[in-house]
C-alpha cells in the first residue's frame, strides 16, 4: 500500500493525460521517471491470478470493470488504461500507453471493452481501442491507434485480423466435397 501512496504523490493525485512532446521537454523526463517507478514488479506479481489483483490495479489508477482475470499483465501508465468487465489478461501481456519515436514522446489512452482476451505475451501499444469480445492472440503486437472490432480475433506481429476461413460458406463447401 505504501507503493500505491507513493505513486499518487508523484502524480499529484491526478491522472496522466495524453502527451506529444520532444524527448528534451521536461515533461518527458518526469513521465519516464513515473513509468520506471512502477512499484508493481515482484510485489504485485504475488497477486497474479487472484481476485485481489484487479483491486490493486484500481487503487493504482486503472479504470477496470468487474470480474477481470489478470494472470500477469503489465500497465506502465495505469491511469491511461480503461478495461471493461469479464476480461482475461494473460501472463506476460502488456498494455503500453507510450512510445518514443523520431525524437518525440507520445502517449495516449488505451480502451478495452467487455469480454476482451489478451493472449500470453501480447503487447497493446498506445491509442488502441479494443471493442467488446475481441481476442488478441499470444505473442501478438497491436500497433498504435488500431481499433479492434467487436468479436474479432487478431494475431501476429504486427497484429492483423484473422480470417474465419473455417466458418465461411466457401470453406465449409470445400471441406464437405
N, C-alpha and C. Protein backbone atom coordinates (compact mmCIF):
# COMPACT_ATOMS: atom_id res chain seq x y z
N UNK A 1 0.81 -1.21 0.00
CA UNK A 1 0.00 0.00 0.00
C UNK A 1 0.85 1.27 0.00
N UNK A 2 2.05 1.17 0.57
CA UNK A 2 2.94 2.33 0.58
C UNK A 2 3.30 2.72 -0.85
N UNK A 3 3.57 1.71 -1.71
CA UNK A 3 3.90 1.98 -3.11
C UNK A 3 2.79 2.68 -3.84
N UNK A 4 1.55 2.30 -3.56
CA UNK A 4 0.40 2.94 -4.19
C UNK A 4 0.34 4.40 -3.77
N UNK A 5 0.56 4.66 -2.50
CA UNK A 5 0.58 6.03 -2.00
C UNK A 5 1.68 6.86 -2.65
N UNK A 6 2.86 6.27 -2.81
CA UNK A 6 3.98 6.98 -3.44
C UNK A 6 3.61 7.37 -4.87
N UNK A 7 3.00 6.44 -5.62
CA UNK A 7 2.61 6.75 -6.99
C UNK A 7 1.62 7.91 -7.04
N UNK A 8 0.67 7.93 -6.13
CA UNK A 8 -0.32 9.02 -6.12
C UNK A 8 0.34 10.34 -5.76
N UNK A 9 1.29 10.33 -4.87
CA UNK A 9 2.01 11.56 -4.50
C UNK A 9 2.81 12.07 -5.71
N UNK A 10 3.50 11.16 -6.40
CA UNK A 10 4.32 11.54 -7.56
C UNK A 10 3.45 12.18 -8.65
N UNK A 11 2.26 11.67 -8.87
CA UNK A 11 1.38 12.23 -9.91
C UNK A 11 0.54 13.40 -9.40
N UNK A 12 0.74 13.78 -8.16
CA UNK A 12 -0.05 14.88 -7.60
C UNK A 12 -1.52 14.52 -7.48
N UNK A 13 -1.82 13.23 -7.29
CA UNK A 13 -3.18 12.72 -7.17
C UNK A 13 -4.03 13.03 -8.40
N UNK A 14 -3.37 13.17 -9.56
CA UNK A 14 -4.07 13.43 -10.82
C UNK A 14 -3.80 12.27 -11.78
N UNK A 15 -4.69 12.11 -12.74
CA UNK A 15 -4.50 11.10 -13.78
C UNK A 15 -3.56 11.67 -14.84
N UNK A 16 -2.78 10.79 -15.50
CA UNK A 16 -1.94 11.22 -16.61
C UNK A 16 -2.82 11.65 -17.77
N UNK A 17 -2.30 12.52 -18.60
CA UNK A 17 -3.01 12.98 -19.80
C UNK A 17 -2.18 12.63 -21.03
N UNK A 18 -2.80 12.29 -22.16
CA UNK A 18 -2.04 12.01 -23.37
C UNK A 18 -1.11 13.17 -23.71
N UNK A 19 0.08 12.83 -24.21
CA UNK A 19 1.10 13.85 -24.49
C UNK A 19 1.73 13.62 -25.86
N UNK A 20 2.22 14.69 -26.44
CA UNK A 20 3.06 14.66 -27.62
C UNK A 20 4.10 15.75 -27.39
N UNK A 21 5.33 15.37 -27.14
CA UNK A 21 6.37 16.36 -26.86
C UNK A 21 7.74 15.81 -27.25
N UNK A 22 8.70 16.70 -27.31
CA UNK A 22 10.08 16.33 -27.59
C UNK A 22 10.65 15.54 -26.41
N UNK A 23 11.61 14.67 -26.70
CA UNK A 23 12.25 13.95 -25.60
C UNK A 23 13.13 14.89 -24.77
N UNK A 24 13.29 16.14 -25.22
CA UNK A 24 14.05 17.13 -24.45
C UNK A 24 13.14 17.98 -23.57
N UNK A 25 11.84 17.78 -23.69
CA UNK A 25 10.88 18.51 -22.87
C UNK A 25 10.94 17.98 -21.43
N UNK A 26 10.93 18.83 -20.42
CA UNK A 26 10.96 18.35 -19.03
C UNK A 26 9.83 17.39 -18.67
N UNK A 27 8.67 17.52 -19.34
CA UNK A 27 7.58 16.59 -19.05
C UNK A 27 8.02 15.16 -19.36
N UNK A 28 8.70 14.97 -20.49
CA UNK A 28 9.14 13.63 -20.85
C UNK A 28 9.99 13.03 -19.75
N UNK A 29 10.91 13.79 -19.20
CA UNK A 29 11.80 13.25 -18.16
C UNK A 29 11.01 12.90 -16.91
N UNK A 30 10.01 13.70 -16.57
CA UNK A 30 9.17 13.37 -15.42
C UNK A 30 8.39 12.08 -15.69
N UNK A 31 7.80 11.98 -16.88
CA UNK A 31 6.99 10.81 -17.22
C UNK A 31 7.85 9.55 -17.25
N UNK A 32 9.06 9.66 -17.79
CA UNK A 32 9.94 8.50 -17.83
C UNK A 32 10.23 8.00 -16.41
N UNK A 33 10.45 8.90 -15.49
CA UNK A 33 10.67 8.51 -14.09
C UNK A 33 9.41 7.87 -13.51
N UNK A 34 8.24 8.36 -13.91
CA UNK A 34 6.99 7.78 -13.42
C UNK A 34 6.87 6.33 -13.86
N UNK A 35 7.07 6.04 -15.16
CA UNK A 35 6.85 4.66 -15.59
C UNK A 35 7.95 3.75 -15.07
N UNK A 36 9.13 4.29 -14.79
CA UNK A 36 10.18 3.46 -14.19
C UNK A 36 9.93 3.24 -12.71
N UNK A 37 9.12 4.10 -12.10
CA UNK A 37 8.77 3.98 -10.70
C UNK A 37 7.91 2.77 -10.44
N UNK A 38 7.20 2.32 -11.50
CA UNK A 38 6.11 1.41 -11.20
C UNK A 38 6.51 0.31 -10.23
N UNK A 39 5.79 0.38 -9.16
CA UNK A 39 6.02 -0.44 -7.99
C UNK A 39 5.62 -1.89 -8.24
N UNK A 40 4.82 -2.11 -9.30
CA UNK A 40 4.21 -3.42 -9.48
C UNK A 40 5.21 -4.56 -9.39
N UNK A 41 6.27 -4.58 -10.17
CA UNK A 41 7.30 -5.60 -10.17
C UNK A 41 6.96 -6.90 -9.47
N UNK A 42 7.86 -7.34 -8.63
CA UNK A 42 7.69 -8.63 -7.97
C UNK A 42 6.63 -8.61 -6.88
N UNK A 43 6.33 -7.45 -6.34
CA UNK A 43 5.38 -7.39 -5.23
C UNK A 43 3.95 -7.63 -5.69
N UNK A 44 3.58 -7.04 -6.81
CA UNK A 44 2.21 -7.24 -7.29
C UNK A 44 2.06 -8.60 -7.97
N UNK A 45 3.18 -9.19 -8.41
CA UNK A 45 3.13 -10.49 -9.09
C UNK A 45 2.60 -11.60 -8.18
N UNK A 46 2.72 -11.43 -6.87
CA UNK A 46 2.19 -12.47 -5.97
C UNK A 46 0.67 -12.54 -6.03
N UNK A 47 0.05 -11.51 -6.61
CA UNK A 47 -1.41 -11.48 -6.73
C UNK A 47 -1.90 -11.99 -8.09
N UNK A 48 -0.98 -12.37 -8.98
CA UNK A 48 -1.38 -12.86 -10.31
C UNK A 48 -2.38 -14.00 -10.18
N UNK A 49 -3.47 -13.91 -10.93
CA UNK A 49 -4.47 -14.97 -10.95
C UNK A 49 -5.42 -14.97 -9.77
N UNK A 50 -5.33 -13.97 -8.91
CA UNK A 50 -6.23 -13.90 -7.75
C UNK A 50 -7.26 -12.80 -7.97
N UNK A 51 -8.35 -12.83 -7.23
CA UNK A 51 -9.35 -11.75 -7.36
C UNK A 51 -8.89 -10.43 -6.75
N UNK A 52 -7.72 -10.42 -6.09
CA UNK A 52 -7.23 -9.20 -5.46
C UNK A 52 -6.45 -8.31 -6.43
N UNK A 53 -5.93 -8.88 -7.50
CA UNK A 53 -5.10 -8.09 -8.42
C UNK A 53 -5.89 -6.96 -9.07
N UNK A 54 -7.11 -7.19 -9.59
CA UNK A 54 -7.86 -6.05 -10.14
C UNK A 54 -8.12 -4.94 -9.11
N UNK A 55 -8.31 -5.31 -7.88
CA UNK A 55 -8.50 -4.31 -6.82
C UNK A 55 -7.25 -3.43 -6.71
N UNK A 56 -6.09 -4.04 -6.72
CA UNK A 56 -4.84 -3.27 -6.63
C UNK A 56 -4.68 -2.38 -7.85
N UNK A 57 -5.00 -2.90 -9.05
CA UNK A 57 -4.92 -2.07 -10.25
C UNK A 57 -5.83 -0.85 -10.13
N UNK A 58 -7.03 -1.05 -9.61
CA UNK A 58 -7.95 0.09 -9.44
C UNK A 58 -7.34 1.12 -8.49
N UNK A 59 -6.73 0.65 -7.41
CA UNK A 59 -6.09 1.57 -6.45
C UNK A 59 -4.93 2.32 -7.10
N UNK A 60 -4.30 1.71 -8.12
CA UNK A 60 -3.17 2.32 -8.81
C UNK A 60 -3.59 3.17 -10.00
N UNK A 61 -4.90 3.28 -10.26
CA UNK A 61 -5.38 4.20 -11.28
C UNK A 61 -5.96 3.59 -12.53
N UNK A 62 -5.90 2.27 -12.69
CA UNK A 62 -6.51 1.64 -13.87
C UNK A 62 -8.03 1.66 -13.69
N UNK A 63 -8.75 2.12 -14.70
CA UNK A 63 -10.22 2.04 -14.67
C UNK A 63 -10.57 0.64 -15.15
N UNK A 64 -11.11 -0.18 -14.26
CA UNK A 64 -11.32 -1.59 -14.56
C UNK A 64 -12.69 -2.03 -14.11
N UNK A 65 -13.36 -2.79 -14.97
CA UNK A 65 -14.68 -3.31 -14.66
C UNK A 65 -14.61 -4.48 -13.69
N UNK A 66 -15.72 -5.19 -13.58
CA UNK A 66 -15.81 -6.30 -12.63
C UNK A 66 -15.39 -7.62 -13.28
N UNK A 67 -15.07 -8.59 -12.45
CA UNK A 67 -14.73 -9.95 -12.84
C UNK A 67 -13.63 -10.02 -13.91
N UNK A 68 -12.58 -9.25 -13.73
CA UNK A 68 -11.42 -9.28 -14.63
C UNK A 68 -10.42 -10.29 -14.07
N UNK A 69 -9.94 -11.19 -14.93
CA UNK A 69 -8.92 -12.16 -14.54
C UNK A 69 -7.58 -11.67 -15.08
N UNK A 70 -6.63 -11.42 -14.19
CA UNK A 70 -5.29 -10.95 -14.56
C UNK A 70 -4.25 -11.93 -14.06
N UNK A 71 -3.60 -12.61 -14.99
CA UNK A 71 -2.59 -13.59 -14.64
C UNK A 71 -1.18 -13.07 -14.84
N UNK A 72 -1.00 -11.75 -14.93
CA UNK A 72 0.35 -11.20 -15.05
C UNK A 72 0.50 -10.14 -16.12
N UNK A 73 -0.50 -9.30 -16.31
CA UNK A 73 -0.45 -8.21 -17.28
C UNK A 73 0.31 -7.03 -16.66
N UNK A 74 0.87 -6.18 -17.50
CA UNK A 74 1.62 -5.01 -17.05
C UNK A 74 1.01 -3.75 -17.66
N UNK A 75 0.97 -2.68 -16.87
CA UNK A 75 0.46 -1.38 -17.32
C UNK A 75 1.44 -0.29 -16.90
N UNK A 76 2.39 0.12 -17.73
CA UNK A 76 3.31 1.18 -17.33
C UNK A 76 2.62 2.50 -16.98
N UNK A 77 1.58 2.89 -17.72
CA UNK A 77 0.82 4.11 -17.41
C UNK A 77 -0.58 3.71 -17.01
N UNK A 78 -0.74 3.44 -15.78
CA UNK A 78 -2.01 2.88 -15.29
C UNK A 78 -3.20 3.81 -15.49
N UNK A 79 -3.05 5.09 -15.30
CA UNK A 79 -4.22 5.97 -15.39
C UNK A 79 -4.62 6.30 -16.84
N UNK A 80 -3.89 5.79 -17.82
CA UNK A 80 -4.29 5.97 -19.21
C UNK A 80 -5.00 4.73 -19.77
N UNK A 81 -5.28 3.74 -18.90
CA UNK A 81 -5.86 2.47 -19.33
C UNK A 81 -7.27 2.30 -18.76
N UNK A 82 -8.20 1.89 -19.64
CA UNK A 82 -9.56 1.56 -19.23
C UNK A 82 -9.85 0.14 -19.72
N UNK A 83 -10.30 -0.71 -18.80
CA UNK A 83 -10.59 -2.11 -19.12
C UNK A 83 -12.02 -2.41 -18.69
N UNK A 84 -12.75 -3.06 -19.55
CA UNK A 84 -14.14 -3.40 -19.28
C UNK A 84 -14.27 -4.57 -18.31
N UNK A 85 -15.45 -5.13 -18.23
CA UNK A 85 -15.75 -6.25 -17.34
C UNK A 85 -15.50 -7.59 -18.04
N UNK A 86 -15.25 -8.61 -17.23
CA UNK A 86 -15.10 -10.00 -17.67
C UNK A 86 -13.97 -10.18 -18.69
N UNK A 87 -12.90 -9.43 -18.55
CA UNK A 87 -11.76 -9.55 -19.46
C UNK A 87 -10.75 -10.55 -18.91
N UNK A 88 -9.95 -11.12 -19.80
CA UNK A 88 -8.88 -12.03 -19.42
C UNK A 88 -7.56 -11.45 -19.89
N UNK A 89 -6.68 -11.19 -18.94
CA UNK A 89 -5.36 -10.62 -19.23
C UNK A 89 -4.33 -11.67 -18.85
N UNK A 90 -3.70 -12.29 -19.84
CA UNK A 90 -2.82 -13.41 -19.59
C UNK A 90 -1.40 -12.99 -19.22
N UNK A 91 -0.64 -13.95 -18.72
CA UNK A 91 0.73 -13.73 -18.26
C UNK A 91 1.59 -13.11 -19.36
N UNK A 92 2.40 -12.15 -18.97
CA UNK A 92 3.34 -11.54 -19.89
C UNK A 92 2.74 -10.55 -20.87
N UNK A 93 1.44 -10.31 -20.79
CA UNK A 93 0.83 -9.32 -21.69
C UNK A 93 1.09 -7.92 -21.14
N UNK A 94 1.12 -6.93 -22.04
CA UNK A 94 1.41 -5.55 -21.66
C UNK A 94 0.48 -4.61 -22.40
N UNK A 95 -0.04 -3.63 -21.69
CA UNK A 95 -0.80 -2.55 -22.30
C UNK A 95 0.04 -1.31 -22.09
N UNK A 96 0.75 -0.89 -23.15
CA UNK A 96 1.72 0.21 -23.06
C UNK A 96 1.14 1.46 -23.70
N UNK A 97 0.98 2.49 -22.92
CA UNK A 97 0.32 3.71 -23.39
C UNK A 97 1.30 4.79 -23.83
N UNK A 98 2.54 4.42 -24.15
CA UNK A 98 3.52 5.41 -24.58
C UNK A 98 4.47 4.84 -25.63
N UNK A 99 5.20 5.75 -26.29
CA UNK A 99 6.23 5.36 -27.24
C UNK A 99 7.19 6.52 -27.44
N UNK A 100 8.40 6.21 -27.85
CA UNK A 100 9.38 7.22 -28.25
C UNK A 100 9.68 6.97 -29.72
N UNK A 101 9.35 7.93 -30.55
CA UNK A 101 9.51 7.78 -31.99
C UNK A 101 10.08 9.06 -32.57
N UNK A 102 11.14 8.96 -33.34
CA UNK A 102 11.71 10.10 -34.05
C UNK A 102 11.97 11.29 -33.14
N UNK A 103 12.54 11.05 -31.97
CA UNK A 103 12.86 12.13 -31.05
C UNK A 103 11.66 12.71 -30.33
N UNK A 104 10.51 12.05 -30.45
CA UNK A 104 9.28 12.54 -29.81
C UNK A 104 8.78 11.51 -28.81
N UNK A 105 8.15 11.99 -27.76
CA UNK A 105 7.47 11.14 -26.79
C UNK A 105 5.98 11.25 -27.08
N UNK A 106 5.31 10.11 -27.17
CA UNK A 106 3.89 10.10 -27.46
C UNK A 106 3.19 9.18 -26.48
N UNK A 107 2.06 9.63 -25.97
CA UNK A 107 1.25 8.77 -25.10
C UNK A 107 -0.22 9.03 -25.40
N UNK A 108 -1.03 8.01 -25.13
CA UNK A 108 -2.47 8.13 -25.40
C UNK A 108 -3.20 7.07 -24.59
N UNK A 109 -4.51 7.19 -24.53
CA UNK A 109 -5.35 6.24 -23.81
C UNK A 109 -5.40 4.91 -24.54
N UNK A 110 -5.58 3.83 -23.77
CA UNK A 110 -5.91 2.50 -24.30
C UNK A 110 -7.23 2.11 -23.68
N UNK A 111 -8.18 1.68 -24.52
CA UNK A 111 -9.52 1.35 -24.04
C UNK A 111 -9.87 -0.06 -24.50
N UNK A 112 -10.23 -0.90 -23.54
CA UNK A 112 -10.66 -2.26 -23.84
C UNK A 112 -12.09 -2.42 -23.37
N UNK A 113 -12.94 -2.99 -24.21
CA UNK A 113 -14.34 -3.20 -23.86
C UNK A 113 -14.52 -4.41 -22.96
N UNK A 114 -15.75 -4.89 -22.89
CA UNK A 114 -16.09 -6.07 -22.08
C UNK A 114 -15.70 -7.35 -22.82
N UNK A 115 -15.41 -8.40 -22.06
CA UNK A 115 -15.15 -9.75 -22.59
C UNK A 115 -13.97 -9.81 -23.55
N UNK A 116 -12.97 -8.98 -23.36
CA UNK A 116 -11.77 -8.96 -24.20
C UNK A 116 -10.75 -9.93 -23.62
N UNK A 117 -9.99 -10.61 -24.50
CA UNK A 117 -8.93 -11.50 -24.07
C UNK A 117 -7.61 -11.06 -24.68
N UNK A 118 -6.58 -10.91 -23.83
CA UNK A 118 -5.21 -10.67 -24.29
C UNK A 118 -4.44 -11.96 -24.08
N UNK A 119 -3.88 -12.51 -25.14
CA UNK A 119 -3.14 -13.76 -25.05
C UNK A 119 -1.81 -13.59 -24.32
N UNK A 120 -1.19 -14.70 -24.00
CA UNK A 120 0.10 -14.70 -23.31
C UNK A 120 1.12 -13.94 -24.14
N UNK A 121 1.80 -12.97 -23.52
CA UNK A 121 2.86 -12.22 -24.19
C UNK A 121 2.38 -11.20 -25.20
N UNK A 122 1.09 -10.92 -25.26
CA UNK A 122 0.57 -9.91 -26.21
C UNK A 122 0.97 -8.51 -25.75
N UNK A 123 1.24 -7.63 -26.72
CA UNK A 123 1.56 -6.24 -26.41
C UNK A 123 0.59 -5.34 -27.15
N UNK A 124 -0.07 -4.46 -26.41
CA UNK A 124 -1.00 -3.50 -26.98
C UNK A 124 -0.35 -2.13 -26.84
N UNK A 125 -0.09 -1.47 -27.99
CA UNK A 125 0.59 -0.18 -27.99
C UNK A 125 -0.40 0.95 -27.70
N UNK A 126 0.06 2.19 -27.68
CA UNK A 126 -0.76 3.32 -27.27
C UNK A 126 -1.85 3.67 -28.29
N UNK A 127 -2.94 4.25 -27.78
CA UNK A 127 -4.02 4.72 -28.64
C UNK A 127 -4.89 3.62 -29.23
N UNK A 128 -4.86 2.44 -28.65
CA UNK A 128 -5.61 1.31 -29.19
C UNK A 128 -6.97 1.21 -28.52
N UNK A 129 -8.00 0.92 -29.32
CA UNK A 129 -9.34 0.65 -28.82
C UNK A 129 -9.68 -0.78 -29.18
N UNK A 130 -10.02 -1.58 -28.16
CA UNK A 130 -10.41 -2.96 -28.39
C UNK A 130 -11.88 -3.08 -28.00
N UNK A 131 -12.73 -3.35 -28.98
CA UNK A 131 -14.16 -3.41 -28.73
C UNK A 131 -14.55 -4.73 -28.06
N UNK A 132 -15.78 -4.79 -27.56
CA UNK A 132 -16.29 -5.94 -26.81
C UNK A 132 -16.03 -7.27 -27.52
N UNK A 133 -15.56 -8.25 -26.76
CA UNK A 133 -15.42 -9.61 -27.24
C UNK A 133 -14.25 -9.88 -28.16
N UNK A 134 -13.40 -8.90 -28.41
CA UNK A 134 -12.24 -9.12 -29.29
C UNK A 134 -11.17 -9.94 -28.57
N UNK A 135 -10.38 -10.66 -29.36
CA UNK A 135 -9.31 -11.51 -28.82
C UNK A 135 -8.00 -11.14 -29.50
N UNK A 136 -6.95 -10.97 -28.69
CA UNK A 136 -5.60 -10.75 -29.22
C UNK A 136 -4.82 -12.02 -28.91
N UNK A 137 -4.32 -12.68 -29.94
CA UNK A 137 -3.63 -13.97 -29.78
C UNK A 137 -2.29 -13.81 -29.06
N UNK A 138 -1.76 -14.92 -28.60
CA UNK A 138 -0.48 -14.94 -27.89
C UNK A 138 0.63 -14.35 -28.75
N UNK A 139 1.55 -13.64 -28.10
CA UNK A 139 2.74 -13.05 -28.74
C UNK A 139 2.41 -12.11 -29.90
N UNK A 140 1.27 -11.47 -29.86
CA UNK A 140 0.88 -10.53 -30.91
C UNK A 140 1.21 -9.11 -30.49
N UNK A 141 1.42 -8.25 -31.47
CA UNK A 141 1.73 -6.84 -31.23
C UNK A 141 0.69 -5.98 -31.93
N UNK A 142 -0.18 -5.34 -31.14
CA UNK A 142 -1.22 -4.48 -31.71
C UNK A 142 -0.64 -3.08 -31.85
N UNK A 143 -0.55 -2.61 -33.09
CA UNK A 143 0.08 -1.33 -33.40
C UNK A 143 -0.72 -0.14 -32.88
N UNK A 144 -0.03 0.96 -32.68
CA UNK A 144 -0.63 2.19 -32.18
C UNK A 144 -1.83 2.62 -33.00
N UNK A 145 -2.84 3.11 -32.30
CA UNK A 145 -4.00 3.68 -32.96
C UNK A 145 -4.95 2.70 -33.62
N UNK A 146 -4.74 1.41 -33.46
CA UNK A 146 -5.59 0.41 -34.10
C UNK A 146 -6.91 0.26 -33.34
N UNK A 147 -7.99 0.02 -34.06
CA UNK A 147 -9.26 -0.32 -33.44
C UNK A 147 -9.59 -1.75 -33.81
N UNK A 148 -9.75 -2.59 -32.79
CA UNK A 148 -10.10 -3.99 -32.99
C UNK A 148 -11.61 -4.10 -32.86
N UNK A 149 -12.28 -4.51 -33.93
CA UNK A 149 -13.74 -4.51 -33.95
C UNK A 149 -14.33 -5.58 -33.05
N UNK A 150 -15.56 -5.38 -32.70
CA UNK A 150 -16.32 -6.27 -31.81
C UNK A 150 -16.23 -7.72 -32.28
N UNK A 151 -15.81 -8.61 -31.36
CA UNK A 151 -15.80 -10.04 -31.64
C UNK A 151 -14.71 -10.52 -32.58
N UNK A 152 -13.80 -9.66 -32.98
CA UNK A 152 -12.75 -10.06 -33.93
C UNK A 152 -11.60 -10.77 -33.21
N UNK A 153 -10.79 -11.48 -34.00
CA UNK A 153 -9.61 -12.17 -33.48
C UNK A 153 -8.41 -11.61 -34.21
N UNK A 154 -7.40 -11.19 -33.45
CA UNK A 154 -6.20 -10.57 -34.02
C UNK A 154 -4.98 -11.35 -33.61
N UNK A 155 -4.00 -11.45 -34.52
CA UNK A 155 -2.77 -12.14 -34.19
C UNK A 155 -1.64 -11.72 -35.10
N UNK A 156 -0.41 -11.97 -34.65
CA UNK A 156 0.78 -11.69 -35.44
C UNK A 156 1.51 -10.46 -34.97
N UNK A 157 2.61 -10.16 -35.68
CA UNK A 157 3.43 -9.00 -35.38
C UNK A 157 3.79 -8.33 -36.70
N UNK A 158 3.13 -7.24 -37.06
CA UNK A 158 2.06 -6.56 -36.34
C UNK A 158 0.75 -7.36 -36.43
N UNK A 159 -0.08 -7.18 -35.43
CA UNK A 159 -1.35 -7.92 -35.38
C UNK A 159 -2.25 -7.52 -36.53
N UNK A 160 -2.88 -8.52 -37.10
CA UNK A 160 -3.82 -8.33 -38.18
C UNK A 160 -5.05 -9.18 -37.85
N UNK A 161 -6.19 -8.78 -38.37
CA UNK A 161 -7.40 -9.53 -38.08
C UNK A 161 -7.34 -10.90 -38.76
N UNK A 162 -7.60 -11.94 -37.98
CA UNK A 162 -7.60 -13.30 -38.52
C UNK A 162 -8.88 -13.50 -39.32
N UNK A 163 -8.79 -14.25 -40.36
CA UNK A 163 -9.96 -14.54 -41.18
C UNK A 163 -10.60 -15.81 -40.69
N UNK A 164 -11.89 -15.84 -40.68
CA UNK A 164 -12.63 -17.00 -40.21
C UNK A 164 -12.85 -17.97 -41.36
N UNK A 165 -11.75 -18.45 -41.95
CA UNK A 165 -11.83 -19.31 -43.14
C UNK A 165 -12.60 -20.59 -42.87
N UNK A 166 -12.44 -21.16 -41.69
CA UNK A 166 -13.08 -22.44 -41.40
C UNK A 166 -14.60 -22.32 -41.30
N UNK A 167 -15.10 -21.12 -41.05
CA UNK A 167 -16.54 -20.96 -40.88
C UNK A 167 -17.20 -20.27 -42.07
N UNK A 168 -16.41 -19.87 -43.07
CA UNK A 168 -17.02 -19.21 -44.22
C UNK A 168 -17.74 -20.26 -45.07
N UNK A 169 -18.81 -19.88 -45.78
CA UNK A 169 -19.56 -20.84 -46.59
C UNK A 169 -18.68 -21.54 -47.64
N UNK A 170 -17.74 -20.80 -48.24
CA UNK A 170 -16.87 -21.39 -49.26
C UNK A 170 -15.98 -22.45 -48.63
N UNK A 171 -15.40 -22.16 -47.47
CA UNK A 171 -14.52 -23.12 -46.80
C UNK A 171 -15.31 -24.35 -46.37
N UNK A 172 -16.52 -24.16 -45.89
CA UNK A 172 -17.34 -25.30 -45.46
C UNK A 172 -17.70 -26.17 -46.67
N UNK A 173 -17.96 -25.53 -47.79
CA UNK A 173 -18.30 -26.27 -49.01
C UNK A 173 -17.12 -27.13 -49.47
N UNK A 174 -15.90 -26.58 -49.36
CA UNK A 174 -14.70 -27.31 -49.76
C UNK A 174 -14.47 -28.51 -48.85
N UNK A 175 -14.74 -28.38 -47.54
CA UNK A 175 -14.49 -29.48 -46.62
C UNK A 175 -15.51 -30.60 -46.79
N UNK A 176 -16.71 -30.26 -47.24
CA UNK A 176 -17.76 -31.27 -47.45
C UNK A 176 -17.48 -32.05 -48.72
N UNK A 177 -16.96 -31.41 -49.76
CA UNK A 177 -16.71 -32.06 -51.05
C UNK A 177 -15.66 -33.12 -50.99
